[in-house]
């Protein structure tokens, strides 16, 4: 098709032919927009396959290993408070053990919540009151429990890293001081 205006004519100076298509004689054609929509739908569906496959896993998420340590700390605190009834002459030492093990439980809970992405509500009532065991333990039984807690925290500290390892090592060291210094 010859250009109007000579070689300096721009592309928009060319006349555009408009094809005439008969509805009866033409094959069905897909517009560019329809093709792009179809491609986007297929790509989006392909992207969802891994997400839906992950939803079907039968394995539950592993529990935080600090949960057991928190439970031990709360149980130890309750046992120390209950042991005061059997050994009133050691009230100061047993009260210190109870207070420190409660502090351990609270520190462990804060770390568990932080790792899980839970933000505690500052206005929520405290639910960390330890429940006393059915029968009060004597000082010897409490010492045995504290020894088990220190070994457990120490073993777990070696498998953790960073702040968590330091927290567990601190709990273990505190339990050792309870056993060897406060309750010899």
C-alpha atoms as a PDB file:
ATOM      1  CA  UNK A   1       0.000   0.000   0.000  1.00  0.00           C
ATOM      2  CA  UNK A   2       1.525   3.306  -1.005  1.00  0.00           C
ATOM      3  CA  UNK A   3       2.169   5.874   1.687  1.00  0.00           C
ATOM      4  CA  UNK A   4       0.725   9.309   1.417  1.00  0.00           C
ATOM      5  CA  UNK A   5       3.105  12.151   1.844  1.00  0.00           C
ATOM      6  CA  UNK A   6       6.279  10.388   0.716  1.00  0.00           C
ATOM      7  CA  UNK A   7       8.967   8.721   2.785  1.00  0.00           C
ATOM      8  CA  UNK A   8       8.637  11.167   5.686  1.00  0.00           C
ATOM      9  CA  UNK A   9       5.087  10.067   6.392  1.00  0.00           C
ATOM     10  CA  UNK A  10       4.492   8.729   9.889  1.00  0.00           C
ATOM     11  CA  UNK A  11       2.951   5.388  10.706  1.00  0.00           C
ATOM     12  CA  UNK A  12      -0.368   6.955  11.604  1.00  0.00           C
ATOM     13  CA  UNK A  13      -0.721   8.419   8.141  1.00  0.00           C
ATOM     14  CA  UNK A  14      -1.292   4.991   6.658  1.00  0.00           C
ATOM     15  CA  UNK A  15      -4.864   4.062   6.119  1.00  0.00           C
ATOM     16  CA  UNK A  16      -6.018   1.066   8.085  1.00  0.00           C
ATOM     17  CA  UNK A  17      -7.916  -1.681   6.421  1.00  0.00           C
ATOM     18  CA  UNK A  18     -10.783  -3.028   8.432  1.00  0.00           C
ATOM     19  CA  UNK A  19     -11.454  -6.649   7.692  1.00  0.00           C
ATOM     20  CA  UNK A  20     -14.989  -7.656   7.167  1.00  0.00           C
ATOM     21  CA  UNK A  21     -15.718 -11.014   8.667  1.00  0.00           C
ATOM     22  CA  UNK A  22     -18.837 -12.919   8.082  1.00  0.00           C
ATOM     23  CA  UNK A  23     -20.192 -14.577  11.178  1.00  0.00           C
ATOM     24  CA  UNK A  24     -21.096 -17.679   9.245  1.00  0.00           C
ATOM     25  CA  UNK A  25     -17.765 -18.194   7.462  1.00  0.00           C
ATOM     26  CA  UNK A  26     -15.264 -17.309  10.174  1.00  0.00           C
ATOM     27  CA  UNK A  27     -13.813 -19.710  12.710  1.00  0.00           C
ATOM     28  CA  UNK A  28     -14.244 -18.766  16.383  1.00  0.00           C
ATOM     29  CA  UNK A  29     -11.357 -16.583  17.508  1.00  0.00           C
ATOM     30  CA  UNK A  30     -10.288 -15.550  20.958  1.00  0.00           C
ATOM     31  CA  UNK A  31      -9.564 -11.918  21.629  1.00  0.00           C
ATOM     32  CA  UNK A  32      -6.277 -10.908  23.183  1.00  0.00           C
ATOM     33  CA  UNK A  33      -8.053  -9.827  26.362  1.00  0.00           C
ATOM     34  CA  UNK A  34      -9.806 -13.205  26.705  1.00  0.00           C
ATOM     35  CA  UNK A  35      -6.508 -15.032  26.145  1.00  0.00           C
ATOM     36  CA  UNK A  36      -4.784 -12.956  28.851  1.00  0.00           C
ATOM     37  CA  UNK A  37      -7.613 -13.593  31.285  1.00  0.00           C
ATOM     38  CA  UNK A  38      -7.417 -17.332  30.651  1.00  0.00           C
ATOM     39  CA  UNK A  39      -3.635 -17.333  31.123  1.00  0.00           C
ATOM     40  CA  UNK A  40      -3.953 -15.397  34.386  1.00  0.00           C
ATOM     41  CA  UNK A  41      -6.609 -17.804  35.646  1.00  0.00           C
ATOM     42  CA  UNK A  42      -4.450 -20.835  34.860  1.00  0.00           C
ATOM     43  CA  UNK A  43      -1.382 -19.241  36.473  1.00  0.00           C
ATOM     44  CA  UNK A  44      -3.396 -18.316  39.567  1.00  0.00           C
ATOM     45  CA  UNK A  45      -4.818 -21.806  39.891  1.00  0.00           C
ATOM     46  CA  UNK A  46      -1.343 -23.309  39.508  1.00  0.00           C
ATOM     47  CA  UNK A  47      -0.114 -21.042  42.305  1.00  0.00           C
ATOM     48  CA  UNK A  48      -2.854 -22.269  44.643  1.00  0.00           C
ATOM     49  CA  UNK A  49      -2.008 -25.954  44.243  1.00  0.00           C
ATOM     50  CA  UNK A  50       0.919 -25.904  46.732  1.00  0.00           C
ATOM     51  CA  UNK A  51      -1.186 -23.950  49.221  1.00  0.00           C
ATOM     52  CA  UNK A  52      -4.062 -26.391  49.130  1.00  0.00           C
ATOM     53  CA  UNK A  53      -1.679 -29.337  49.280  1.00  0.00           C
ATOM     54  CA  UNK A  54      -0.162 -27.905  52.461  1.00  0.00           C
ATOM     55  CA  UNK A  55      -3.603 -27.723  54.052  1.00  0.00           C
ATOM     56  CA  UNK A  56      -4.013 -31.484  53.760  1.00  0.00           C
ATOM     57  CA  UNK A  57      -1.047 -32.449  55.953  1.00  0.00           C
ATOM     58  CA  UNK A  58      -1.964 -34.878  58.698  1.00  0.00           C
ATOM     59  CA  UNK A  59       0.966 -33.874  60.915  1.00  0.00           C
ATOM     60  CA  UNK A  60       0.051 -31.322  63.575  1.00  0.00           C
ATOM     61  CA  UNK A  61       2.457 -28.480  64.204  1.00  0.00           C
ATOM     62  CA  UNK A  62       5.087 -29.464  66.776  1.00  0.00           C
ATOM     63  CA  UNK A  63       4.566 -28.106  70.260  1.00  0.00           C
ATOM     64  CA  UNK A  64       7.047 -25.626  71.621  1.00  0.00           C
ATOM     65  CA  UNK A  65       9.496 -27.528  73.870  1.00  0.00           C
ATOM     66  CA  UNK A  66       9.332 -24.694  76.402  1.00  0.00           C
ATOM     67  CA  UNK A  67       5.727 -25.599  77.237  1.00  0.00           C
ATOM     68  CA  UNK A  68       6.891 -28.585  79.286  1.00  0.00           C
ATOM     69  CA  UNK A  69       9.416 -26.380  81.092  1.00  0.00           C
ATOM     70  CA  UNK A  70       6.700 -23.853  81.910  1.00  0.00           C
ATOM     71  CA  UNK A  71       4.491 -26.621  83.293  1.00  0.00           C
ATOM     72  CA  UNK A  72       7.361 -27.968  85.415  1.00  0.00           C
ATOM     73  CA  UNK A  73       8.034 -24.497  86.798  1.00  0.00           C
ATOM     74  CA  UNK A  74       4.380 -23.977  87.762  1.00  0.00           C
ATOM     75  CA  UNK A  75       4.203 -27.427  89.375  1.00  0.00           C
ATOM     76  CA  UNK A  76       7.440 -26.801  91.298  1.00  0.00           C
ATOM     77  CA  UNK A  77       6.153 -23.435  92.512  1.00  0.00           C
ATOM     78  CA  UNK A  78       2.913 -25.005  93.730  1.00  0.00           C
ATOM     79  CA  UNK A  79       4.810 -27.853  95.410  1.00  0.00           C
ATOM     80  CA  UNK A  80       7.122 -25.398  97.182  1.00  0.00           C
ATOM     81  CA  UNK A  81       4.157 -23.388  98.466  1.00  0.00           C
ATOM     82  CA  UNK A  82       2.426 -26.552  99.673  1.00  0.00           C
ATOM     83  CA  UNK A  83       5.622 -27.833 101.359  1.00  0.00           C
ATOM     84  CA  UNK A  84       5.507 -24.878 103.759  1.00  0.00           C
ATOM     85  CA  UNK A  85       2.750 -26.721 105.652  1.00  0.00           C
ATOM     86  CA  UNK A  86       5.091 -29.674 106.271  1.00  0.00           C
ATOM     87  CA  UNK A  87       8.225 -27.625 106.998  1.00  0.00           C
ATOM     88  CA  UNK A  88       7.216 -24.297 108.579  1.00  0.00           C
ATOM     89  CA  UNK A  89      10.798 -23.763 109.740  1.00  0.00           C
ATOM     90  CA  UNK A  90      11.856 -23.449 106.068  1.00  0.00           C
ATOM     91  CA  UNK A  91       9.145 -20.994 105.060  1.00  0.00           C
ATOM     92  CA  UNK A  92      11.597 -18.346 103.802  1.00  0.00           C
ATOM     93  CA  UNK A  93      13.490 -20.785 101.570  1.00  0.00           C
ATOM     94  CA  UNK A  94      10.348 -22.470 100.253  1.00  0.00           C
ATOM     95  CA  UNK A  95       8.698 -19.105  99.577  1.00  0.00           C
ATOM     96  CA  UNK A  96      11.786 -18.017  97.616  1.00  0.00           C
ATOM     97  CA  UNK A  97      11.717 -21.244  95.580  1.00  0.00           C
ATOM     98  CA  UNK A  98       8.006 -20.758  94.866  1.00  0.00           C
ATOM     99  CA  UNK A  99       8.457 -17.109  93.823  1.00  0.00           C
ATOM    100  CA  UNK A 100      11.442 -17.852  91.596  1.00  0.00           C
ATOM    101  CA  UNK A 101       9.838 -20.847  89.912  1.00  0.00           C
ATOM    102  CA  UNK A 102       6.742 -18.710  89.270  1.00  0.00           C
ATOM    103  CA  UNK A 103       9.019 -16.089  87.692  1.00  0.00           C
ATOM    104  CA  UNK A 104      10.580 -18.845  85.554  1.00  0.00           C
ATOM    105  CA  UNK A 105       7.138 -19.948  84.385  1.00  0.00           C
ATOM    106  CA  UNK A 106       6.192 -16.388  83.461  1.00  0.00           C
ATOM    107  CA  UNK A 107       9.455 -15.810  81.544  1.00  0.00           C
ATOM    108  CA  UNK A 108       8.992 -19.095  79.698  1.00  0.00           C
ATOM    109  CA  UNK A 109       5.381 -18.173  78.852  1.00  0.00           C
ATOM    110  CA  UNK A 110       6.484 -14.810  77.458  1.00  0.00           C
ATOM    111  CA  UNK A 111       9.033 -16.572  75.221  1.00  0.00           C
ATOM    112  CA  UNK A 112       6.480 -19.171  74.092  1.00  0.00           C
ATOM    113  CA  UNK A 113       4.023 -16.397  73.208  1.00  0.00           C
ATOM    114  CA  UNK A 114       6.718 -14.359  71.449  1.00  0.00           C
ATOM    115  CA  UNK A 115       7.796 -17.335  69.331  1.00  0.00           C
ATOM    116  CA  UNK A 116       4.164 -18.088  68.441  1.00  0.00           C
ATOM    117  CA  UNK A 117       3.525 -14.469  67.481  1.00  0.00           C
ATOM    118  CA  UNK A 118       1.008 -13.934  70.263  1.00  0.00           C
ATOM    119  CA  UNK A 119       0.757 -10.457  71.716  1.00  0.00           C
ATOM    120  CA  UNK A 120      -0.471 -10.647  75.317  1.00  0.00           C
ATOM    121  CA  UNK A 121      -3.344  -8.379  76.302  1.00  0.00           C
ATOM    122  CA  UNK A 122      -2.140  -6.119  79.138  1.00  0.00           C
ATOM    123  CA  UNK A 123      -5.724  -5.789  80.427  1.00  0.00           C
ATOM    124  CA  UNK A 124      -6.348  -9.542  80.576  1.00  0.00           C
ATOM    125  CA  UNK A 125      -6.519 -11.056  84.057  1.00  0.00           C
ATOM    126  CA  UNK A 126      -3.530 -13.131  85.091  1.00  0.00           C
ATOM    127  CA  UNK A 127      -4.165 -16.855  84.752  1.00  0.00           C
ATOM    128  CA  UNK A 128      -0.772 -17.977  86.000  1.00  0.00           C
ATOM    129  CA  UNK A 129      -1.734 -18.907  89.547  1.00  0.00           C
ATOM    130  CA  UNK A 130      -0.209 -22.317  90.279  1.00  0.00           C
ATOM    131  CA  UNK A 131      -2.499 -25.032  91.572  1.00  0.00           C
ATOM    132  CA  UNK A 132      -1.267 -26.854  94.671  1.00  0.00           C
ATOM    133  CA  UNK A 133      -0.687 -30.590  94.315  1.00  0.00           C
ATOM    134  CA  UNK A 134      -3.169 -32.966  95.960  1.00  0.00           C
ATOM    135  CA  UNK A 135      -0.811 -33.850  98.805  1.00  0.00           C
ATOM    136  CA  UNK A 136       1.997 -31.556  99.953  1.00  0.00           C
ATOM    137  CA  UNK A 137       5.469 -32.812  99.179  1.00  0.00           C
ATOM    138  CA  UNK A 138       8.210 -32.874 101.735  1.00  0.00           C
ATOM    139  CA  UNK A 139      11.417 -30.947 101.248  1.00  0.00           C
ATOM    140  CA  UNK A 140      13.241 -34.083 100.036  1.00  0.00           C
ATOM    141  CA  UNK A 141      10.616 -34.772  97.365  1.00  0.00           C
ATOM    142  CA  UNK A 142      10.690 -31.121  96.307  1.00  0.00           C
ATOM    143  CA  UNK A 143      14.468 -31.278  96.051  1.00  0.00           C
ATOM    144  CA  UNK A 144      14.117 -34.353  93.800  1.00  0.00           C
ATOM    145  CA  UNK A 145      11.595 -32.538  91.583  1.00  0.00           C
ATOM    146  CA  UNK A 146      13.858 -29.517  91.329  1.00  0.00           C
ATOM    147  CA  UNK A 147      16.786 -31.777  90.365  1.00  0.00           C
ATOM    148  CA  UNK A 148      14.670 -33.286  87.585  1.00  0.00           C
ATOM    149  CA  UNK A 149      13.686 -29.796  86.431  1.00  0.00           C
ATOM    150  CA  UNK A 150      17.304 -28.622  86.336  1.00  0.00           C
ATOM    151  CA  UNK A 151      18.390 -31.677  84.308  1.00  0.00           C
ATOM    152  CA  UNK A 152      15.480 -31.233  81.893  1.00  0.00           C
ATOM    153  CA  UNK A 153      16.138 -27.507  81.384  1.00  0.00           C
ATOM    154  CA  UNK A 154      19.862 -28.117  80.995  1.00  0.00           C
ATOM    155  CA  UNK A 155      19.331 -30.822  78.359  1.00  0.00           C
ATOM    156  CA  UNK A 156      16.903 -28.646  76.424  1.00  0.00           C
ATOM    157  CA  UNK A 157      19.271 -25.654  76.585  1.00  0.00           C
ATOM    158  CA  UNK A 158      21.844 -27.605  74.579  1.00  0.00           C
ATOM    159  CA  UNK A 159      19.366 -28.111  71.733  1.00  0.00           C
ATOM    160  CA  UNK A 160      18.142 -24.500  71.616  1.00  0.00           C
ATOM    161  CA  UNK A 161      20.036 -21.390  70.563  1.00  0.00           C
ATOM    162  CA  UNK A 162      20.210 -17.702  71.368  1.00  0.00           C
ATOM    163  CA  UNK A 163      17.886 -16.242  73.953  1.00  0.00           C
ATOM    164  CA  UNK A 164      15.998 -19.507  74.457  1.00  0.00           C
ATOM    165  CA  UNK A 165      19.205 -21.390  75.301  1.00  0.00           C
ATOM    166  CA  UNK A 166      20.210 -18.650  77.742  1.00  0.00           C
ATOM    167  CA  UNK A 167      16.786 -18.642  79.371  1.00  0.00           C
ATOM    168  CA  UNK A 168      16.851 -22.413  79.862  1.00  0.00           C
ATOM    169  CA  UNK A 169      20.423 -22.329  81.187  1.00  0.00           C
ATOM    170  CA  UNK A 170      19.385 -19.638  83.654  1.00  0.00           C
ATOM    171  CA  UNK A 171      16.405 -21.727  84.799  1.00  0.00           C
ATOM    172  CA  UNK A 172      18.677 -24.748  85.215  1.00  0.00           C
ATOM    173  CA  UNK A 173      21.237 -22.774  87.226  1.00  0.00           C
ATOM    174  CA  UNK A 174      18.524 -21.339  89.439  1.00  0.00           C
ATOM    175  CA  UNK A 175      17.123 -24.816  90.127  1.00  0.00           C
ATOM    176  CA  UNK A 176      20.621 -25.984  91.054  1.00  0.00           C
ATOM    177  CA  UNK A 177      20.928 -23.130  93.548  1.00  0.00           C
ATOM    178  CA  UNK A 178      17.537 -24.091  94.994  1.00  0.00           C
ATOM    179  CA  UNK A 179      18.696 -27.691  95.467  1.00  0.00           C
ATOM    180  CA  UNK A 180      22.203 -26.974  96.750  1.00  0.00           C
ATOM    181  CA  UNK A 181      21.864 -23.637  98.559  1.00  0.00           C
ATOM    182  CA  UNK A 182      18.254 -23.001  99.635  1.00  0.00           C
ATOM    183  CA  UNK A 183      17.222 -26.612 100.321  1.00  0.00           C
ATOM    184  CA  UNK A 184      20.434 -28.507 101.238  1.00  0.00           C
END
